[in-house]
Amino acid sequence: MKLRITTIGNSAGVILPKELLARLRVGKGDELYALETPDGIRLTAFDPELAIQMEVAEDVMRKRRTLLNKLAQ
């Protein structure tokens, strides 16, 4: 899909067609992340930093399951 860079106020931007927004499962107001890969730039709605934080949280929850159960009571 070919995208054109356009002027938006004093900045430059890209207008994403509806079909691309649907494939990314995003809409107005959502955030996208541009990740640099060996093949170029990847545009994604997936937040890699949040994924790392969630992995750490899940690891803590697995290791401290008994303590978390006591705190929930």
C-alpha atoms as a PDB file:
ATOM      1  CA  MET A   1       0.000   0.000   0.000  1.00  0.00           C
ATOM      2  CA  LYS A   2       1.453   3.340  -1.048  1.00  0.00           C
ATOM      3  CA  LEU A   3       1.132   6.274   1.370  1.00  0.00           C
ATOM      4  CA  ARG A   4       1.876   9.909   0.634  1.00  0.00           C
ATOM      5  CA  ILE A   5       3.435  12.374   3.084  1.00  0.00           C
ATOM      6  CA  THR A   6       1.379  15.552   3.322  1.00  0.00           C
ATOM      7  CA  THR A   7       1.525  18.851   5.181  1.00  0.00           C
ATOM      8  CA  ILE A   8      -0.566  19.024   8.357  1.00  0.00           C
ATOM      9  CA  GLY A   9      -0.239  22.512   9.870  1.00  0.00           C
ATOM     10  CA  ASN A  10       3.484  23.131  10.391  1.00  0.00           C
ATOM     11  CA  SER A  11       4.206  19.382  10.428  1.00  0.00           C
ATOM     12  CA  ALA A  12       4.231  16.492   7.998  1.00  0.00           C
ATOM     13  CA  GLY A  13       1.973  13.478   8.281  1.00  0.00           C
ATOM     14  CA  VAL A  14       0.580  10.443   6.563  1.00  0.00           C
ATOM     15  CA  ILE A  15      -3.124   9.846   6.064  1.00  0.00           C
ATOM     16  CA  LEU A  16      -3.973   6.187   6.670  1.00  0.00           C
ATOM     17  CA  PRO A  17      -6.772   4.741   4.520  1.00  0.00           C
ATOM     18  CA  LYS A  18      -9.753   3.122   6.269  1.00  0.00           C
ATOM     19  CA  GLU A  19      -8.722  -0.357   5.112  1.00  0.00           C
ATOM     20  CA  LEU A  20      -5.277   0.022   6.717  1.00  0.00           C
ATOM     21  CA  LEU A  21      -6.823   1.285   9.968  1.00  0.00           C
ATOM     22  CA  ALA A  22      -9.108  -1.762   9.951  1.00  0.00           C
ATOM     23  CA  ARG A  23      -6.175  -4.135   9.413  1.00  0.00           C
ATOM     24  CA  LEU A  24      -4.265  -2.479  12.274  1.00  0.00           C
ATOM     25  CA  ARG A  25      -7.469  -2.553  14.381  1.00  0.00           C
ATOM     26  CA  VAL A  26      -7.084   1.116  15.329  1.00  0.00           C
ATOM     27  CA  GLY A  27      -9.104   4.292  14.957  1.00  0.00           C
ATOM     28  CA  LYS A  28      -8.930   8.005  15.681  1.00  0.00           C
ATOM     29  CA  GLY A  29      -7.158   8.713  18.964  1.00  0.00           C
ATOM     30  CA  ASP A  30      -5.390   5.338  19.163  1.00  0.00           C
ATOM     31  CA  GLU A  31      -1.611   5.142  19.316  1.00  0.00           C
ATOM     32  CA  LEU A  32       0.691   3.449  16.821  1.00  0.00           C
ATOM     33  CA  TYR A  33       4.317   2.475  17.355  1.00  0.00           C
ATOM     34  CA  ALA A  34       7.036   2.698  14.714  1.00  0.00           C
ATOM     35  CA  LEU A  35       9.626  -0.016  15.333  1.00  0.00           C
ATOM     36  CA  GLU A  36      12.935  -0.151  13.515  1.00  0.00           C
ATOM     37  CA  THR A  37      13.612  -3.649  12.169  1.00  0.00           C
ATOM     38  CA  PRO A  38      16.379  -5.055   9.953  1.00  0.00           C
ATOM     39  CA  ASP A  39      13.887  -4.869   7.048  1.00  0.00           C
ATOM     40  CA  GLY A  40      12.842  -1.250   7.671  1.00  0.00           C
ATOM     41  CA  ILE A  41      10.181   0.404   9.821  1.00  0.00           C
ATOM     42  CA  ARG A  42       7.256  -1.612  11.178  1.00  0.00           C
ATOM     43  CA  LEU A  43       4.033   0.220  12.087  1.00  0.00           C
ATOM     44  CA  THR A  44       2.079  -1.538  14.836  1.00  0.00           C
ATOM     45  CA  ALA A  45      -0.565  -0.966  17.495  1.00  0.00           C
ATOM     46  CA  PHE A  46       1.400  -3.350  19.768  1.00  0.00           C
ATOM     47  CA  ASP A  47       3.355  -1.571  22.523  1.00  0.00           C
ATOM     48  CA  PRO A  48       6.614  -3.534  22.936  1.00  0.00           C
ATOM     49  CA  GLU A  49       7.521  -1.715  26.180  1.00  0.00           C
ATOM     50  CA  LEU A  50       4.179  -2.646  27.765  1.00  0.00           C
ATOM     51  CA  ALA A  51       4.678  -6.261  26.678  1.00  0.00           C
ATOM     52  CA  ILE A  52       8.002  -6.395  28.540  1.00  0.00           C
ATOM     53  CA  GLN A  53       6.394  -4.882  31.656  1.00  0.00           C
ATOM     54  CA  MET A  54       3.563  -7.430  31.482  1.00  0.00           C
ATOM     55  CA  GLU A  55       6.047 -10.324  31.233  1.00  0.00           C
ATOM     56  CA  VAL A  56       7.795  -9.090  34.394  1.00  0.00           C
ATOM     57  CA  ALA A  57       4.455  -8.676  36.204  1.00  0.00           C
ATOM     58  CA  GLU A  58       3.312 -12.178  35.200  1.00  0.00           C
ATOM     59  CA  ASP A  59       6.607 -13.640  36.422  1.00  0.00           C
ATOM     60  CA  VAL A  60       6.216 -11.902  39.805  1.00  0.00           C
ATOM     61  CA  MET A  61       2.590 -13.068  40.076  1.00  0.00           C
ATOM     62  CA  ARG A  62       3.614 -16.674  39.375  1.00  0.00           C
ATOM     63  CA  LYS A  63       6.414 -16.606  41.939  1.00  0.00           C
ATOM     64  CA  ARG A  64       4.398 -14.766  44.622  1.00  0.00           C
ATOM     65  CA  ARG A  65       0.993 -16.387  44.065  1.00  0.00           C
ATOM     66  CA  THR A  66       0.571 -17.345  47.756  1.00  0.00           C
ATOM     67  CA  LEU A  67       1.377 -13.840  48.987  1.00  0.00           C
ATOM     68  CA  LEU A  68      -0.957 -12.246  46.444  1.00  0.00           C
ATOM     69  CA  ASN A  69      -3.788 -14.576  47.493  1.00  0.00           C
ATOM     70  CA  LYS A  70      -3.305 -13.562  51.144  1.00  0.00           C
ATOM     71  CA  LEU A  71      -3.366  -9.863  50.233  1.00  0.00           C
ATOM     72  CA  ALA A  72      -6.583 -10.315  48.233  1.00  0.00           C
ATOM     73  CA  GLN A  73      -8.437 -11.783  51.229  1.00  0.00           C
END
